[in-house]
């Protein structure tokens, strides 16, 4: 739901995201109606993860679904001094 109506560039938040792979994903999706890619991204709190995107054209809609394949590291516990 967070991604509804957004462009991929709006959602990719990591300096290590493979932007060339994301561009090829979009190019292939638009050309063939189906595409897959594995990308690196970052959670809102800064933890890095890998996810697999699968995109399909359904009529005039382009639908993409992401599945986390390498989850982010656990959050570090706060330490008190």
C-alpha atoms as a PDB file:
ATOM      1  CA  UNK A   1       0.000   0.000   0.000  1.00  0.00           C
ATOM      2  CA  UNK A   2       2.937   2.335   0.671  1.00  0.00           C
ATOM      3  CA  UNK A   3       3.996   1.953  -2.972  1.00  0.00           C
ATOM      4  CA  UNK A   4       0.612   2.518  -4.619  1.00  0.00           C
ATOM      5  CA  UNK A   5       0.973   5.132  -7.341  1.00  0.00           C
ATOM      6  CA  UNK A   6       4.694   5.603  -6.751  1.00  0.00           C
ATOM      7  CA  UNK A   7       7.579   5.321  -9.184  1.00  0.00           C
ATOM      8  CA  UNK A   8      10.408   2.896  -8.353  1.00  0.00           C
ATOM      9  CA  UNK A   9      12.746   5.841  -7.781  1.00  0.00           C
ATOM     10  CA  UNK A  10      10.394   7.078  -5.048  1.00  0.00           C
ATOM     11  CA  UNK A  11      10.818   3.815  -3.133  1.00  0.00           C
ATOM     12  CA  UNK A  12      14.499   3.001  -3.566  1.00  0.00           C
ATOM     13  CA  UNK A  13      16.226   4.586  -0.601  1.00  0.00           C
ATOM     14  CA  UNK A  14      19.693   3.064  -0.467  1.00  0.00           C
ATOM     15  CA  UNK A  15      23.031   4.206  -1.856  1.00  0.00           C
ATOM     16  CA  UNK A  16      23.801   0.569  -2.714  1.00  0.00           C
ATOM     17  CA  UNK A  17      20.568   0.013  -4.667  1.00  0.00           C
ATOM     18  CA  UNK A  18      21.358  -1.330  -8.108  1.00  0.00           C
ATOM     19  CA  UNK A  19      19.764   1.502 -10.099  1.00  0.00           C
ATOM     20  CA  UNK A  20      20.897  -0.031 -13.411  1.00  0.00           C
ATOM     21  CA  UNK A  21      19.007  -3.227 -12.509  1.00  0.00           C
ATOM     22  CA  UNK A  22      15.942  -1.180 -11.502  1.00  0.00           C
ATOM     23  CA  UNK A  23      16.037   0.666 -14.843  1.00  0.00           C
ATOM     24  CA  UNK A  24      16.302  -2.622 -16.752  1.00  0.00           C
ATOM     25  CA  UNK A  25      13.387  -4.035 -14.699  1.00  0.00           C
ATOM     26  CA  UNK A  26      11.212  -1.090 -15.759  1.00  0.00           C
ATOM     27  CA  UNK A  27      12.375  -1.207 -19.393  1.00  0.00           C
ATOM     28  CA  UNK A  28      11.626  -4.936 -19.668  1.00  0.00           C
ATOM     29  CA  UNK A  29       8.273  -4.579 -17.894  1.00  0.00           C
ATOM     30  CA  UNK A  30       7.168  -1.868 -20.311  1.00  0.00           C
ATOM     31  CA  UNK A  31       8.438  -3.778 -23.373  1.00  0.00           C
ATOM     32  CA  UNK A  32       7.237  -7.305 -22.570  1.00  0.00           C
ATOM     33  CA  UNK A  33       4.625  -6.988 -19.844  1.00  0.00           C
ATOM     34  CA  UNK A  34       6.667  -9.024 -17.322  1.00  0.00           C
ATOM     35  CA  UNK A  35       9.917  -8.484 -15.446  1.00  0.00           C
ATOM     36  CA  UNK A  36      11.849  -9.713 -12.403  1.00  0.00           C
ATOM     37  CA  UNK A  37      14.778  -8.265 -10.458  1.00  0.00           C
ATOM     38  CA  UNK A  38      16.591  -8.518  -7.138  1.00  0.00           C
ATOM     39  CA  UNK A  39      17.417  -5.176  -5.548  1.00  0.00           C
ATOM     40  CA  UNK A  40      19.045  -3.841  -2.409  1.00  0.00           C
ATOM     41  CA  UNK A  41      17.042  -1.345  -0.397  1.00  0.00           C
ATOM     42  CA  UNK A  42      16.963   0.197   3.055  1.00  0.00           C
ATOM     43  CA  UNK A  43      14.228   0.229   5.691  1.00  0.00           C
ATOM     44  CA  UNK A  44      13.006   3.571   7.014  1.00  0.00           C
ATOM     45  CA  UNK A  45      15.238   3.050  10.053  1.00  0.00           C
ATOM     46  CA  UNK A  46      18.328   2.422   7.918  1.00  0.00           C
ATOM     47  CA  UNK A  47      18.712  -1.372   7.861  1.00  0.00           C
ATOM     48  CA  UNK A  48      19.681  -2.873   4.470  1.00  0.00           C
ATOM     49  CA  UNK A  49      17.781  -5.774   2.881  1.00  0.00           C
ATOM     50  CA  UNK A  50      17.416  -7.556  -0.481  1.00  0.00           C
ATOM     51  CA  UNK A  51      14.097  -8.028  -2.178  1.00  0.00           C
ATOM     52  CA  UNK A  52      12.843  -9.720  -5.318  1.00  0.00           C
ATOM     53  CA  UNK A  53      10.479  -7.748  -7.517  1.00  0.00           C
ATOM     54  CA  UNK A  54       8.104  -9.332  -9.990  1.00  0.00           C
ATOM     55  CA  UNK A  55       6.166  -7.029 -12.273  1.00  0.00           C
ATOM     56  CA  UNK A  56       3.329  -7.752 -14.717  1.00  0.00           C
ATOM     57  CA  UNK A  57       1.109  -5.748 -16.999  1.00  0.00           C
ATOM     58  CA  UNK A  58      -2.606  -6.254 -16.337  1.00  0.00           C
ATOM     59  CA  UNK A  59      -4.437  -4.343 -19.055  1.00  0.00           C
ATOM     60  CA  UNK A  60      -3.453  -0.704 -18.604  1.00  0.00           C
ATOM     61  CA  UNK A  61      -2.017  -1.322 -15.127  1.00  0.00           C
ATOM     62  CA  UNK A  62       1.541  -2.204 -14.219  1.00  0.00           C
ATOM     63  CA  UNK A  63       1.631  -4.274 -11.032  1.00  0.00           C
ATOM     64  CA  UNK A  64       4.816  -5.039  -9.098  1.00  0.00           C
ATOM     65  CA  UNK A  65       5.118  -7.184  -6.002  1.00  0.00           C
ATOM     66  CA  UNK A  66       8.186  -7.357  -3.793  1.00  0.00           C
ATOM     67  CA  UNK A  67       9.265 -10.232  -1.566  1.00  0.00           C
ATOM     68  CA  UNK A  68      12.061  -9.851   0.974  1.00  0.00           C
ATOM     69  CA  UNK A  69      14.654 -12.550   0.311  1.00  0.00           C
ATOM     70  CA  UNK A  70      17.401 -11.348   2.674  1.00  0.00           C
ATOM     71  CA  UNK A  71      15.765  -9.704   5.679  1.00  0.00           C
ATOM     72  CA  UNK A  72      17.248  -6.663   7.395  1.00  0.00           C
ATOM     73  CA  UNK A  73      19.469  -7.266  10.375  1.00  0.00           C
ATOM     74  CA  UNK A  74      17.653  -7.106  13.720  1.00  0.00           C
ATOM     75  CA  UNK A  75      17.409  -3.680  15.275  1.00  0.00           C
ATOM     76  CA  UNK A  76      20.130  -2.975  17.776  1.00  0.00           C
ATOM     77  CA  UNK A  77      18.907  -2.798  21.343  1.00  0.00           C
ATOM     78  CA  UNK A  78      19.198   0.610  22.924  1.00  0.00           C
ATOM     79  CA  UNK A  79      21.936   0.796  25.496  1.00  0.00           C
ATOM     80  CA  UNK A  80      21.779   2.898  28.615  1.00  0.00           C
ATOM     81  CA  UNK A  81      24.726   4.677  30.123  1.00  0.00           C
END
